PDB file of N, CA and C in Angstrom:
ATOM      1  N   UNK A   1       0.908  -1.330   0.457  1.00  0.00           N
ATOM      2  CA  UNK A   1      -0.292  -0.329  -0.209  1.00  0.00           C
ATOM      3  C   UNK A   1       0.821   0.465  -0.166  1.00  0.00           C
ATOM      4  N   UNK A   2       0.584   2.179  -0.828  1.00  0.00           N
ATOM      5  CA  UNK A   2       1.115   4.114  -0.949  1.00  0.00           C
ATOM      6  C   UNK A   2      -0.129   4.469  -0.287  1.00  0.00           C
ATOM      7  N   UNK A   3       0.233   4.189   1.533  1.00  0.00           N
ATOM      8  CA  UNK A   3      -0.255   5.515   1.435  1.00  0.00           C
ATOM      9  C   UNK A   3      -0.546   6.962   2.664  1.00  0.00           C
ATOM     10  N   UNK A   4      -1.383   7.514   2.523  1.00  0.00           N
ATOM     11  CA  UNK A   4      -0.851   9.342   3.989  1.00  0.00           C
ATOM     12  C   UNK A   4      -0.384   9.609   2.839  1.00  0.00           C
ATOM     13  N   UNK A   5      -0.983   9.979   1.638  1.00  0.00           N
ATOM     14  CA  UNK A   5       0.647  10.832   0.648  1.00  0.00           C
ATOM     15  C   UNK A   5      -0.869  12.098   0.835  1.00  0.00           C
ATOM     16  N   UNK A   6      -0.439  12.645   1.734  1.00  0.00           N
ATOM     17  CA  UNK A   6      -1.231  14.282   1.539  1.00  0.00           C
ATOM     18  C   UNK A   6      -0.847  15.217   1.996  1.00  0.00           C
ATOM     19  N   UNK A   7      -1.041  16.437   0.957  1.00  0.00           N
ATOM     20  CA  UNK A   7       0.159  17.602   1.433  1.00  0.00           C
ATOM     21  C   UNK A   7      -0.604  18.864   1.199  1.00  0.00           C
ATOM     22  N   UNK A   8       0.690  19.854   1.692  1.00  0.00           N
ATOM     23  CA  UNK A   8      -0.413  21.671   2.314  1.00  0.00           C
ATOM     24  C   UNK A   8      -0.544  21.524   0.626  1.00  0.00           C
ATOM     25  N   UNK A   9      -2.304  22.485   1.456  1.00  0.00           N
ATOM     26  CA  UNK A   9      -2.905  22.882  -0.072  1.00  0.00           C
ATOM     27  C   UNK A   9      -2.104  23.232  -1.508  1.00  0.00           C
ATOM     28  N   UNK A  10      -1.752  23.668  -0.892  1.00  0.00           N
ATOM     29  CA  UNK A  10      -0.749  24.438  -2.658  1.00  0.00           C
ATOM     30  C   UNK A  10      -0.157  23.608  -3.874  1.00  0.00           C
ATOM     31  N   UNK A  11       0.581  22.925  -2.739  1.00  0.00           N
ATOM     32  CA  UNK A  11       1.405  21.791  -3.330  1.00  0.00           C
ATOM     33  C   UNK A  11       0.974  20.298  -3.385  1.00  0.00           C
ATOM     34  N   UNK A  12      -0.509  20.194  -3.395  1.00  0.00           N
ATOM     35  CA  UNK A  12      -0.966  19.048  -2.824  1.00  0.00           C
ATOM     36  C   UNK A  12      -0.888  18.620  -4.708  1.00  0.00           C
ATOM     37  N   UNK A  13      -1.327  19.001  -5.203  1.00  0.00           N
ATOM     38  CA  UNK A  13      -1.912  18.598  -6.519  1.00  0.00           C
ATOM     39  C   UNK A  13      -0.813  18.585  -7.198  1.00  0.00           C
ATOM     40  N   UNK A  14       0.634  18.723  -7.655  1.00  0.00           N
ATOM     41  CA  UNK A  14       2.106  18.262  -8.008  1.00  0.00           C
ATOM     42  C   UNK A  14       2.139  17.036  -7.150  1.00  0.00           C
ATOM     43  N   UNK A  15       2.298  17.079  -6.200  1.00  0.00           N
ATOM     44  CA  UNK A  15       2.197  16.184  -5.099  1.00  0.00           C
ATOM     45  C   UNK A  15       1.510  14.667  -5.128  1.00  0.00           C
ATOM     46  N   UNK A  16       0.325  14.780  -5.194  1.00  0.00           N
ATOM     47  CA  UNK A  16      -0.522  14.091  -5.454  1.00  0.00           C
ATOM     48  C   UNK A  16      -0.217  12.720  -6.659  1.00  0.00           C
ATOM     49  N   UNK A  17       0.287  13.688  -8.015  1.00  0.00           N
ATOM     50  CA  UNK A  17       1.262  13.094  -9.436  1.00  0.00           C
ATOM     51  C   UNK A  17       2.594  12.672  -9.137  1.00  0.00           C
ATOM     52  N   UNK A  18       3.603  13.453  -8.099  1.00  0.00           N
ATOM     53  CA  UNK A  18       4.124  12.802  -7.858  1.00  0.00           C
ATOM     54  C   UNK A  18       4.095  12.119  -7.529  1.00  0.00           C
ATOM     55  N   UNK A  19       3.223  11.615  -6.850  1.00  0.00           N
ATOM     56  CA  UNK A  19       3.531   9.980  -5.447  1.00  0.00           C
ATOM     57  C   UNK A  19       1.949   8.652  -6.255  1.00  0.00           C
ATOM     58  N   UNK A  20       1.695   8.958  -8.298  1.00  0.00           N
ATOM     59  CA  UNK A  20       1.124   8.529  -8.599  1.00  0.00           C
ATOM     60  C   UNK A  20       1.741   7.882  -9.755  1.00  0.00           C
ATOM     61  N   UNK A  21       2.905   8.750 -10.143  1.00  0.00           N
ATOM     62  CA  UNK A  21       4.058   8.254 -10.780  1.00  0.00           C
ATOM     63  C   UNK A  21       5.109   7.639 -10.120  1.00  0.00           C
ATOM     64  N   UNK A  22       5.313   7.565  -8.997  1.00  0.00           N
ATOM     65  CA  UNK A  22       6.049   6.540  -8.706  1.00  0.00           C
ATOM     66  C   UNK A  22       5.541   5.642  -8.267  1.00  0.00           C
ATOM     67  N   UNK A  23       3.963   4.944  -7.697  1.00  0.00           N
ATOM     68  CA  UNK A  23       3.311   3.957  -7.853  1.00  0.00           C
ATOM     69  C   UNK A  23       3.970   3.171  -9.017  1.00  0.00           C
ATOM     70  N   UNK A  24       3.006   3.944 -10.022  1.00  0.00           N
ATOM     71  CA  UNK A  24       3.712   3.390 -11.514  1.00  0.00           C
ATOM     72  C   UNK A  24       4.524   2.122 -11.648  1.00  0.00           C
ATOM     73  N   UNK A  25       5.896   3.842 -11.397  1.00  0.00           N
ATOM     74  CA  UNK A  25       6.920   3.351 -11.915  1.00  0.00           C
ATOM     75  C   UNK A  25       8.235   1.708 -11.280  1.00  0.00           C
ATOM     76  N   UNK A  26       7.286   1.391  -9.893  1.00  0.00           N
ATOM     77  CA  UNK A  26       6.934   0.791  -9.086  1.00  0.00           C
ATOM     78  C   UNK A  26       6.674  -1.172  -8.792  1.00  0.00           C
ATOM     79  N   UNK A  27       5.273   0.005  -9.289  1.00  0.00           N
ATOM     80  CA  UNK A  27       4.925  -1.737 -10.345  1.00  0.00           C
ATOM     81  C   UNK A  27       5.446  -2.545 -11.421  1.00  0.00           C
ATOM     82  N   UNK A  28       6.527  -1.271 -12.580  1.00  0.00           N
ATOM     83  CA  UNK A  28       6.200  -1.725 -13.732  1.00  0.00           C
ATOM     84  C   UNK A  28       7.660  -2.340 -13.421  1.00  0.00           C
ATOM     85  N   UNK A  29       8.676  -2.250 -12.267  1.00  0.00           N
ATOM     86  CA  UNK A  29       9.758  -3.071 -12.130  1.00  0.00           C
ATOM     87  C   UNK A  29       9.471  -4.425 -11.034  1.00  0.00           C
ATOM     88  N   UNK A  30       8.452  -4.586 -10.897  1.00  0.00           N
ATOM     89  CA  UNK A  30       7.750  -6.084 -10.564  1.00  0.00           C
ATOM     90  C   UNK A  30       6.935  -5.300  -9.075  1.00  0.00           C
ATOM     91  N   UNK A  31       7.166  -4.665  -7.938  1.00  0.00           N
ATOM     92  CA  UNK A  31       7.160  -4.079  -7.035  1.00  0.00           C
ATOM     93  C   UNK A  31       5.408  -4.604  -6.900  1.00  0.00           C
ATOM     94  N   UNK A  32       4.817  -5.301  -6.194  1.00  0.00           N
ATOM     95  CA  UNK A  32       3.331  -5.333  -6.089  1.00  0.00           C
ATOM     96  C   UNK A  32       2.809  -4.593  -5.202  1.00  0.00           C
ATOM     97  N   UNK A  33       2.231  -2.962  -5.538  1.00  0.00           N
ATOM     98  CA  UNK A  33       1.629  -2.122  -4.612  1.00  0.00           C
ATOM     99  C   UNK A  33       0.162  -1.963  -4.840  1.00  0.00           C
ATOM    100  N   UNK A  34      -0.224  -2.979  -3.612  1.00  0.00           N
ATOM    101  CA  UNK A  34      -1.472  -3.053  -3.859  1.00  0.00           C
ATOM    102  C   UNK A  34      -2.669  -1.488  -3.788  1.00  0.00           C
ATOM    103  N   UNK A  35      -2.576  -0.768  -3.178  1.00  0.00           N
ATOM    104  CA  UNK A  35      -3.328   0.681  -3.088  1.00  0.00           C
ATOM    105  C   UNK A  35      -2.737   1.364  -3.123  1.00  0.00           C
ATOM    106  N   UNK A  36      -3.782   2.461  -2.913  1.00  0.00           N
ATOM    107  CA  UNK A  36      -3.349   4.056  -2.842  1.00  0.00           C
ATOM    108  C   UNK A  36      -3.780   4.723  -2.220  1.00  0.00           C
ATOM    109  N   UNK A  37      -3.492   5.885  -1.034  1.00  0.00           N
ATOM    110  CA  UNK A  37      -4.671   6.438  -0.635  1.00  0.00           C
ATOM    111  C   UNK A  37      -4.067   8.254  -0.345  1.00  0.00           C
ATOM    112  N   UNK A  38      -5.447   9.139  -0.285  1.00  0.00           N
ATOM    113  CA  UNK A  38      -4.721   9.823   0.420  1.00  0.00           C
ATOM    114  C   UNK A  38      -5.647  10.006   1.457  1.00  0.00           C
ATOM    115  N   UNK A  39      -4.892  11.041   2.571  1.00  0.00           N
ATOM    116  CA  UNK A  39      -5.068  10.382   4.294  1.00  0.00           C
ATOM    117  C   UNK A  39      -5.881  12.314   4.070  1.00  0.00           C
ATOM    118  N   UNK A  40      -6.462  13.225   4.238  1.00  0.00           N
ATOM    119  CA  UNK A  40      -8.102  11.955   4.520  1.00  0.00           C
ATOM    120  C   UNK A  40      -8.934  12.868   3.693  1.00  0.00           C
ATOM    121  N   UNK A  41      -9.403  11.903   4.263  1.00  0.00           N
ATOM    122  CA  UNK A  41     -10.812  12.180   2.477  1.00  0.00           C
ATOM    123  C   UNK A  41     -11.576  14.173   2.722  1.00  0.00           C
ATOM    124  N   UNK A  42     -12.017  14.381   3.681  1.00  0.00           N
ATOM    125  CA  UNK A  42     -12.351  15.838   4.134  1.00  0.00           C
ATOM    126  C   UNK A  42     -10.745  16.270   5.533  1.00  0.00           C
ATOM    127  N   UNK A  43     -10.910  17.431   5.055  1.00  0.00           N
ATOM    128  CA  UNK A  43     -10.166  18.382   6.032  1.00  0.00           C
ATOM    129  C   UNK A  43      -9.782  17.639   7.292  1.00  0.00           C
ATOM    130  N   UNK A  44      -8.676  18.674   8.453  1.00  0.00           N
ATOM    131  CA  UNK A  44      -8.633  17.566   9.680  1.00  0.00           C
ATOM    132  C   UNK A  44      -9.193  18.814  10.027  1.00  0.00           C
ATOM    133  N   UNK A  45      -9.379  18.078  12.033  1.00  0.00           N
ATOM    134  CA  UNK A  45      -8.816  20.112  12.635  1.00  0.00           C
ATOM    135  C   UNK A  45      -8.177  19.186  14.097  1.00  0.00           C
ATOM    136  N   UNK A  46      -6.996  19.437  14.292  1.00  0.00           N
ATOM    137  CA  UNK A  46      -6.143  20.445  15.121  1.00  0.00           C
ATOM    138  C   UNK A  46      -5.122  19.397  14.906  1.00  0.00           C
ATOM    139  N   UNK A  47      -4.141  18.833  13.736  1.00  0.00           N
ATOM    140  CA  UNK A  47      -3.659  18.158  13.203  1.00  0.00           C
ATOM    141  C   UNK A  47      -2.833  18.497  12.648  1.00  0.00           C
ATOM    142  N   UNK A  48      -2.397  19.121  13.455  1.00  0.00           N
ATOM    143  CA  UNK A  48      -0.704  20.731  13.432  1.00  0.00           C
ATOM    144  C   UNK A  48      -0.716  20.405  14.561  1.00  0.00           C
ATOM    145  N   UNK A  49      -2.226  20.276  15.465  1.00  0.00           N
ATOM    146  CA  UNK A  49      -0.965  19.829  16.679  1.00  0.00           C
ATOM    147  C   UNK A  49      -0.819  18.657  17.604  1.00  0.00           C
ATOM    148  N   UNK A  50      -1.567  17.496  16.595  1.00  0.00           N
ATOM    149  CA  UNK A  50      -0.979  16.191  16.791  1.00  0.00           C
ATOM    150  C   UNK A  50      -1.748  15.552  17.472  1.00  0.00           C
ATOM    151  N   UNK A  51      -3.195  16.504  17.921  1.00  0.00           N
ATOM    152  CA  UNK A  51      -4.667  16.146  18.782  1.00  0.00           C
ATOM    153  C   UNK A  51      -3.958  16.406  19.862  1.00  0.00           C
ATOM    154  N   UNK A  52      -2.959  17.937  20.451  1.00  0.00           N
ATOM    155  CA  UNK A  52      -2.397  17.336  21.667  1.00  0.00           C
ATOM    156  C   UNK A  52      -3.625  18.906  21.747  1.00  0.00           C
ATOM    157  N   UNK A  53      -4.034  19.350  21.213  1.00  0.00           N
ATOM    158  CA  UNK A  53      -4.434  21.145  21.381  1.00  0.00           C
ATOM    159  C   UNK A  53      -5.633  21.224  20.878  1.00  0.00           C
ATOM    160  N   UNK A  54      -6.540  21.208  21.882  1.00  0.00           N
ATOM    161  CA  UNK A  54      -8.239  21.797  21.433  1.00  0.00           C
ATOM    162  C   UNK A  54      -7.810  22.969  20.565  1.00  0.00           C
ATOM    163  N   UNK A  55      -7.561  23.616  19.334  1.00  0.00           N
ATOM    164  CA  UNK A  55      -7.635  25.101  19.114  1.00  0.00           C
ATOM    165  C   UNK A  55      -9.225  25.299  17.857  1.00  0.00           C
ATOM    166  N   UNK A  56      -9.406  24.255  17.880  1.00  0.00           N
ATOM    167  CA  UNK A  56     -10.088  24.716  16.173  1.00  0.00           C
ATOM    168  C   UNK A  56      -9.720  24.815  15.064  1.00  0.00           C
ATOM    169  N   UNK A  57      -9.236  24.492  15.090  1.00  0.00           N
ATOM    170  CA  UNK A  57      -8.111  24.662  13.810  1.00  0.00           C
ATOM    171  C   UNK A  57      -7.934  24.165  12.713  1.00  0.00           C
ATOM    172  N   UNK A  58      -8.732  24.327  10.882  1.00  0.00           N
ATOM    173  CA  UNK A  58      -8.206  23.451  10.031  1.00  0.00           C
ATOM    174  C   UNK A  58      -8.060  23.765   9.442  1.00  0.00           C
ATOM    175  N   UNK A  59      -6.887  22.066   9.054  1.00  0.00           N
ATOM    176  CA  UNK A  59      -5.746  21.310   8.444  1.00  0.00           C
ATOM    177  C   UNK A  59      -6.840  21.571   6.883  1.00  0.00           C
ATOM    178  N   UNK A  60      -6.523  22.496   6.048  1.00  0.00           N
ATOM    179  CA  UNK A  60      -6.876  21.853   5.062  1.00  0.00           C
ATOM    180  C   UNK A  60      -6.075  20.885   3.802  1.00  0.00           C
ATOM    181  N   UNK A  61      -6.108  19.946   4.318  1.00  0.00           N
ATOM    182  CA  UNK A  61      -5.224  18.624   3.777  1.00  0.00           C
ATOM    183  C   UNK A  61      -6.092  17.669   3.009  1.00  0.00           C
ATOM    184  N   UNK A  62      -7.645  17.341   3.312  1.00  0.00           N
ATOM    185  CA  UNK A  62      -8.529  16.890   2.883  1.00  0.00           C
ATOM    186  C   UNK A  62      -8.522  16.442   1.585  1.00  0.00           C
ATOM    187  N   UNK A  63      -9.145  16.562   0.382  1.00  0.00           N
ATOM    188  CA  UNK A  63      -9.607  16.244  -0.645  1.00  0.00           C
ATOM    189  C   UNK A  63     -10.672  17.063  -0.469  1.00  0.00           C
ATOM    190  N   UNK A  64     -11.500  16.920   0.475  1.00  0.00           N
ATOM    191  CA  UNK A  64     -13.127  17.170   0.460  1.00  0.00           C
ATOM    192  C   UNK A  64     -12.876  18.961   1.268  1.00  0.00           C
ATOM    193  N   UNK A  65     -12.749  20.405   1.532  1.00  0.00           N
ATOM    194  CA  UNK A  65     -13.353  20.699   2.525  1.00  0.00           C
ATOM    195  C   UNK A  65     -14.264  20.655   4.152  1.00  0.00           C
ATOM    196  N   UNK A  66     -14.616  21.037   4.691  1.00  0.00           N
ATOM    197  CA  UNK A  66     -15.157  20.270   5.867  1.00  0.00           C
ATOM    198  C   UNK A  66     -16.658  20.911   5.550  1.00  0.00           C
ATOM    199  N   UNK A  67     -17.173  21.396   3.997  1.00  0.00           N
ATOM    200  CA  UNK A  67     -18.530  21.534   3.886  1.00  0.00           C
ATOM    201  C   UNK A  67     -18.163  20.745   2.301  1.00  0.00           C
ATOM    202  N   UNK A  68     -17.499  19.553   2.036  1.00  0.00           N
ATOM    203  CA  UNK A  68     -17.730  18.529   1.237  1.00  0.00           C
ATOM    204  C   UNK A  68     -18.024  19.345   0.522  1.00  0.00           C
ATOM    205  N   UNK A  69     -16.515  20.700   0.169  1.00  0.00           N
ATOM    206  CA  UNK A  69     -16.793  20.821  -1.721  1.00  0.00           C
ATOM    207  C   UNK A  69     -15.495  20.467  -1.751  1.00  0.00           C
ATOM    208  N   UNK A  70     -15.489  19.545  -3.459  1.00  0.00           N
ATOM    209  CA  UNK A  70     -13.817  19.437  -3.892  1.00  0.00           C
ATOM    210  C   UNK A  70     -13.434  20.428  -4.025  1.00  0.00           C
ATOM    211  N   UNK A  71     -11.458  19.895  -3.690  1.00  0.00           N
ATOM    212  CA  UNK A  71     -10.679  20.931  -4.059  1.00  0.00           C
ATOM    213  C   UNK A  71      -9.884  20.758  -4.618  1.00  0.00           C
ATOM    214  N   UNK A  72      -8.844  20.717  -5.331  1.00  0.00           N
ATOM    215  CA  UNK A  72      -8.315  20.211  -6.769  1.00  0.00           C
ATOM    216  C   UNK A  72      -7.507  18.869  -6.659  1.00  0.00           C
ATOM    217  N   UNK A  73      -6.470  19.029  -5.165  1.00  0.00           N
ATOM    218  CA  UNK A  73      -6.132  17.834  -5.521  1.00  0.00           C
ATOM    219  C   UNK A  73      -7.928  16.552  -5.539  1.00  0.00           C
ATOM    220  N   UNK A  74      -8.465  16.999  -4.446  1.00  0.00           N
ATOM    221  CA  UNK A  74      -9.836  15.834  -4.873  1.00  0.00           C
ATOM    222  C   UNK A  74     -10.327  15.697  -6.413  1.00  0.00           C
ATOM    223  N   UNK A  75     -10.329  16.253  -6.915  1.00  0.00           N
ATOM    224  CA  UNK A  75     -10.337  17.046  -8.472  1.00  0.00           C
ATOM    225  C   UNK A  75      -8.825  15.966  -9.260  1.00  0.00           C
ATOM    226  N   UNK A  76      -8.338  16.177  -8.894  1.00  0.00           N
ATOM    227  CA  UNK A  76      -6.205  15.143  -9.726  1.00  0.00           C
ATOM    228  C   UNK A  76      -6.676  13.433  -8.512  1.00  0.00           C
ATOM    229  N   UNK A  77      -6.832  12.889  -8.203  1.00  0.00           N
ATOM    230  CA  UNK A  77      -7.058  12.480  -7.149  1.00  0.00           C
ATOM    231  C   UNK A  77      -7.841  11.049  -7.176  1.00  0.00           C
ATOM    232  N   UNK A  78      -9.181  12.556  -8.346  1.00  0.00           N
ATOM    233  CA  UNK A  78     -10.636  11.255  -9.907  1.00  0.00           C
ATOM    234  C   UNK A  78     -10.534  12.132 -10.987  1.00  0.00           C
ATOM    235  N   UNK A  79      -9.311  12.254 -11.065  1.00  0.00           N
ATOM    236  CA  UNK A  79      -9.464  12.024 -12.676  1.00  0.00           C
ATOM    237  C   UNK A  79      -7.254  10.842 -12.816  1.00  0.00           C
ATOM    238  N   UNK A  80      -7.784  10.344 -11.325  1.00  0.00           N
ATOM    239  CA  UNK A  80      -5.770   9.129 -11.932  1.00  0.00           C
ATOM    240  C   UNK A  80      -7.672   7.689 -11.241  1.00  0.00           C
ATOM    241  N   UNK A  81      -9.446   8.035 -11.174  1.00  0.00           N
ATOM    242  CA  UNK A  81      -9.012   7.613 -10.060  1.00  0.00           C
ATOM    243  C   UNK A  81      -9.902   6.493 -11.559  1.00  0.00           C
ATOM    244  N   UNK A  82     -10.411   7.539 -13.021  1.00  0.00           N
ATOM    245  CA  UNK A  82     -10.878   7.440 -14.151  1.00  0.00           C
ATOM    246  C   UNK A  82      -9.592   7.510 -15.698  1.00  0.00           C
ATOM    247  N   UNK A  83      -8.724   8.046 -15.290  1.00  0.00           N
ATOM    248  CA  UNK A  83      -7.665   7.703 -16.006  1.00  0.00           C
ATOM    249  C   UNK A  83      -7.830   5.932 -15.602  1.00  0.00           C
ATOM    250  N   UNK A  84      -6.474   5.479 -15.188  1.00  0.00           N
ATOM    251  CA  UNK A  84      -6.577   4.150 -14.116  1.00  0.00           C
ATOM    252  C   UNK A  84      -7.096   3.368 -14.038  1.00  0.00           C
ATOM    253  N   UNK A  85      -8.658   2.902 -13.870  1.00  0.00           N
ATOM    254  CA  UNK A  85      -9.123   2.499 -13.325  1.00  0.00           C
ATOM    255  C   UNK A  85      -9.260   0.488 -14.208  1.00  0.00           C
ATOM    256  N   UNK A  86      -8.605   0.660 -15.122  1.00  0.00           N
ATOM    257  CA  UNK A  86      -8.494  -0.686 -15.363  1.00  0.00           C
ATOM    258  C   UNK A  86      -6.950  -1.750 -15.999  1.00  0.00           C
ATOM    259  N   UNK A  87      -6.099  -1.030 -14.377  1.00  0.00           N
ATOM    260  CA  UNK A  87      -5.342  -1.256 -13.936  1.00  0.00           C
ATOM    261  C   UNK A  87      -5.178  -2.454 -13.294  1.00  0.00           C
ATOM    262  N   UNK A  88      -4.407  -3.431 -13.107  1.00  0.00           N
ATOM    263  CA  UNK A  88      -4.136  -4.843 -12.164  1.00  0.00           C
ATOM    264  C   UNK A  88      -3.657  -4.587 -10.724  1.00  0.00           C
ATOM    265  N   UNK A  89      -4.445  -5.218 -10.000  1.00  0.00           N
ATOM    266  CA  UNK A  89      -3.919  -4.623  -8.604  1.00  0.00           C
ATOM    267  C   UNK A  89      -2.920  -5.447  -8.945  1.00  0.00           C
ATOM    268  N   UNK A  90      -1.918  -6.193  -8.825  1.00  0.00           N
ATOM    269  CA  UNK A  90      -1.330  -6.619  -8.359  1.00  0.00           C
ATOM    270  C   UNK A  90      -0.877  -7.304 -10.185  1.00  0.00           C
ATOM    271  N   UNK A  91       0.121  -6.131 -10.192  1.00  0.00           N
ATOM    272  CA  UNK A  91       0.966  -6.722 -12.414  1.00  0.00           C
ATOM    273  C   UNK A  91       1.047  -7.884 -12.965  1.00  0.00           C
ATOM    274  N   UNK A  92       0.915  -9.045 -13.383  1.00  0.00           N
ATOM    275  CA  UNK A  92       1.655 -10.074 -14.278  1.00  0.00           C
ATOM    276  C   UNK A  92       0.249 -11.294 -13.464  1.00  0.00           C
ATOM    277  N   UNK A  93      -0.930 -10.472 -12.230  1.00  0.00           N
ATOM    278  CA  UNK A  93      -1.918 -11.707 -11.501  1.00  0.00           C
ATOM    279  C   UNK A  93      -2.397 -11.763 -12.301  1.00  0.00           C
ATOM    280  N   UNK A  94      -2.830 -12.423 -12.550  1.00  0.00           N
ATOM    281  CA  UNK A  94      -4.401 -13.571 -13.096  1.00  0.00           C
ATOM    282  C   UNK A  94      -5.976 -13.958 -12.197  1.00  0.00           C
ATOM    283  N   UNK A  95      -5.199 -13.556 -11.014  1.00  0.00           N
ATOM    284  CA  UNK A  95      -5.715 -14.088 -10.113  1.00  0.00           C
ATOM    285  C   UNK A  95      -6.407 -12.523  -9.132  1.00  0.00           C
ATOM    286  N   UNK A  96      -5.828 -11.858  -9.576  1.00  0.00           N
ATOM    287  CA  UNK A  96      -6.422 -10.022  -8.403  1.00  0.00           C
ATOM    288  C   UNK A  96      -6.024  -9.138  -9.941  1.00  0.00           C
ATOM    289  N   UNK A  97      -6.692  -9.443 -11.395  1.00  0.00           N
ATOM    290  CA  UNK A  97      -6.403  -8.883 -12.414  1.00  0.00           C
ATOM    291  C   UNK A  97      -7.976  -8.462 -12.543  1.00  0.00           C
ATOM    292  N   UNK A  98      -8.368  -7.464 -13.010  1.00  0.00           N
ATOM    293  CA  UNK A  98      -9.686  -6.520 -13.311  1.00  0.00           C
ATOM    294  C   UNK A  98      -9.881  -6.988 -14.200  1.00  0.00           C
ATOM    295  N   UNK A  99     -10.856  -7.554 -14.923  1.00  0.00           N
ATOM    296  CA  UNK A  99     -11.455  -8.412 -16.081  1.00  0.00           C
ATOM    297  C   UNK A  99     -13.005  -8.262 -16.656  1.00  0.00           C
TER     298      UNK A  99
END
């Protein structure tokens, strides 16, 4: 699994595509990457203090904001899903490939 690939909002789209390209590179070399996630789905609250302080500060790292409005990185993630929806879970595997 390639997980928790978030980044500050101004760099998020570039970071997402870079991480996706890294995943494809690993798969081309036979590394069985089974999943790819962005953490988190919606913005986080007080993540900047690792939840040690209750500041009610929104950290804009989600694919969506707190009002469920999609962020540019959410649109990019959606594009990845649309463009790469038919790749197999494990390269060169008849059992786990998409049919």
